[in-house]
Amino acid sequence: MLDHPSIFAFNKDVKKAIWWSEDFKETLSKVYRQANNNSSSDYKDSELLLQDFINRYIDPSSTSPFKNLARLA
C-alpha cells in the first residue's frame, strides 16, 4: 500500500498511520502459543515480540497522561 503512486498525495500522518497498521498486523501474525500449560510462560516469545513493537512507537522517557492510572493486580 505504501508503494502505491498516489500515496504521495497523502500527508505525513496518514503515511505513519498506514505504516503502523501494517507493522501491527505483521507483529500480531507472529504471536503464537508455545505451550498449553495455562500459564504466562505459554507466550514467552510472543511477549517479547509485543514489547519490541511497543518500544518502536513509545518513548519510555516521556511522561504518560495515564501513568498514574496504570496498576498491576
C-alpha atoms as a PDB file:
ATOM      1  CA  MET A   1       0.000   0.000   0.000  1.00  0.00           C
ATOM      2  CA  LEU A   2       2.889   2.357   0.762  1.00  0.00           C
ATOM      3  CA  ASP A   3       4.363   1.752  -2.698  1.00  0.00           C
ATOM      4  CA  HIS A   4       1.236   2.961  -4.484  1.00  0.00           C
ATOM      5  CA  PRO A   5       1.935   6.147  -6.536  1.00  0.00           C
ATOM      6  CA  SER A   6      -0.997   8.056  -5.049  1.00  0.00           C
ATOM      7  CA  ILE A   7       0.456   7.704  -1.525  1.00  0.00           C
ATOM      8  CA  PHE A   8       2.486  10.842  -2.159  1.00  0.00           C
ATOM      9  CA  ALA A   9      -0.771  12.809  -2.149  1.00  0.00           C
ATOM     10  CA  PHE A  10      -1.303  11.808   1.499  1.00  0.00           C
ATOM     11  CA  ASN A  11       0.215  13.822   4.286  1.00  0.00           C
ATOM     12  CA  LYS A  12       2.919  12.537   6.623  1.00  0.00           C
ATOM     13  CA  ASP A  13       0.491  11.488   9.391  1.00  0.00           C
ATOM     14  CA  VAL A  14      -1.509   9.265   7.045  1.00  0.00           C
ATOM     15  CA  LYS A  15       1.688   7.551   5.897  1.00  0.00           C
ATOM     16  CA  LYS A  16       2.663   6.960   9.550  1.00  0.00           C
ATOM     17  CA  ALA A  17      -0.781   5.515  10.304  1.00  0.00           C
ATOM     18  CA  ILE A  18      -0.572   3.132   7.355  1.00  0.00           C
ATOM     19  CA  TRP A  19       2.969   2.097   8.334  1.00  0.00           C
ATOM     20  CA  TRP A  20       1.895   1.498  11.965  1.00  0.00           C
ATOM     21  CA  SER A  21      -1.138  -0.515  10.885  1.00  0.00           C
ATOM     22  CA  GLU A  22       0.899  -2.802   8.632  1.00  0.00           C
ATOM     23  CA  ASP A  23       3.585  -3.239  11.287  1.00  0.00           C
ATOM     24  CA  PHE A  24       0.877  -4.093  13.851  1.00  0.00           C
ATOM     25  CA  LYS A  25      -0.670  -6.714  11.543  1.00  0.00           C
ATOM     26  CA  GLU A  26       2.726  -8.295  10.896  1.00  0.00           C
ATOM     27  CA  THR A  27       3.559  -8.367  14.609  1.00  0.00           C
ATOM     28  CA  LEU A  28       0.227  -9.973  15.505  1.00  0.00           C
ATOM     29  CA  SER A  29       0.708 -12.595  12.800  1.00  0.00           C
ATOM     30  CA  LYS A  30       3.889 -13.685  14.625  1.00  0.00           C
ATOM     31  CA  VAL A  31       2.175 -14.082  18.015  1.00  0.00           C
ATOM     32  CA  TYR A  32       1.562 -17.707  18.899  1.00  0.00           C
ATOM     33  CA  ARG A  33       1.133 -20.019  21.842  1.00  0.00           C
ATOM     34  CA  GLN A  34       4.210 -22.113  22.639  1.00  0.00           C
ATOM     35  CA  ALA A  35       2.716 -24.453  25.202  1.00  0.00           C
ATOM     36  CA  ASN A  36      -0.577 -25.429  26.790  1.00  0.00           C
ATOM     37  CA  ASN A  37       0.410 -25.087  30.429  1.00  0.00           C
ATOM     38  CA  ASN A  38      -2.226 -22.406  31.052  1.00  0.00           C
ATOM     39  CA  SER A  39       0.395 -20.069  32.466  1.00  0.00           C
ATOM     40  CA  SER A  40       2.088 -16.880  31.388  1.00  0.00           C
ATOM     41  CA  SER A  41       5.057 -18.893  30.090  1.00  0.00           C
ATOM     42  CA  ASP A  42       2.858 -20.130  27.214  1.00  0.00           C
ATOM     43  CA  TYR A  43       3.528 -16.863  25.375  1.00  0.00           C
ATOM     44  CA  LYS A  44       7.198 -16.183  26.276  1.00  0.00           C
ATOM     45  CA  ASP A  45       8.470 -15.326  22.785  1.00  0.00           C
ATOM     46  CA  SER A  46       5.252 -13.603  21.793  1.00  0.00           C
ATOM     47  CA  GLU A  47       5.504 -11.293  24.777  1.00  0.00           C
ATOM     48  CA  LEU A  48       8.967 -10.226  23.614  1.00  0.00           C
ATOM     49  CA  LEU A  49       7.627  -9.541  20.120  1.00  0.00           C
ATOM     50  CA  LEU A  50       4.855  -7.356  21.501  1.00  0.00           C
ATOM     51  CA  GLN A  51       7.229  -5.495  23.815  1.00  0.00           C
ATOM     52  CA  ASP A  52       9.507  -4.816  20.851  1.00  0.00           C
ATOM     53  CA  PHE A  53       6.537  -3.451  18.869  1.00  0.00           C
ATOM     54  CA  ILE A  54       5.541  -1.140  21.722  1.00  0.00           C
ATOM     55  CA  ASN A  55       9.103   0.097  22.186  1.00  0.00           C
ATOM     56  CA  ARG A  56       9.297   1.021  18.493  1.00  0.00           C
ATOM     57  CA  TYR A  57       6.463   3.528  18.891  1.00  0.00           C
ATOM     58  CA  ILE A  58       6.588   4.641  22.536  1.00  0.00           C
ATOM     59  CA  ASP A  59       9.230   6.795  24.173  1.00  0.00           C
ATOM     60  CA  PRO A  60       9.662   5.310  27.673  1.00  0.00           C
ATOM     61  CA  SER A  61      11.239   8.511  28.999  1.00  0.00           C
ATOM     62  CA  SER A  62       8.223  10.679  28.171  1.00  0.00           C
ATOM     63  CA  THR A  63       5.533  11.208  30.755  1.00  0.00           C
ATOM     64  CA  SER A  64       2.282   9.455  30.024  1.00  0.00           C
ATOM     65  CA  PRO A  65      -1.082  11.005  30.867  1.00  0.00           C
ATOM     66  CA  PHE A  66      -2.177   7.541  32.042  1.00  0.00           C
ATOM     67  CA  LYS A  67       0.883   6.845  34.176  1.00  0.00           C
ATOM     68  CA  ASN A  68      -0.993   7.340  37.453  1.00  0.00           C
ATOM     69  CA  LEU A  69      -3.783   5.016  36.249  1.00  0.00           C
ATOM     70  CA  ALA A  70      -1.536   2.047  35.446  1.00  0.00           C
ATOM     71  CA  ARG A  71      -1.763  -0.639  38.119  1.00  0.00           C
ATOM     72  CA  LEU A  72      -0.618  -4.176  38.449  1.00  0.00           C
ATOM     73  CA  ALA A  73      -3.067  -6.533  40.076  1.00  0.00           C
END
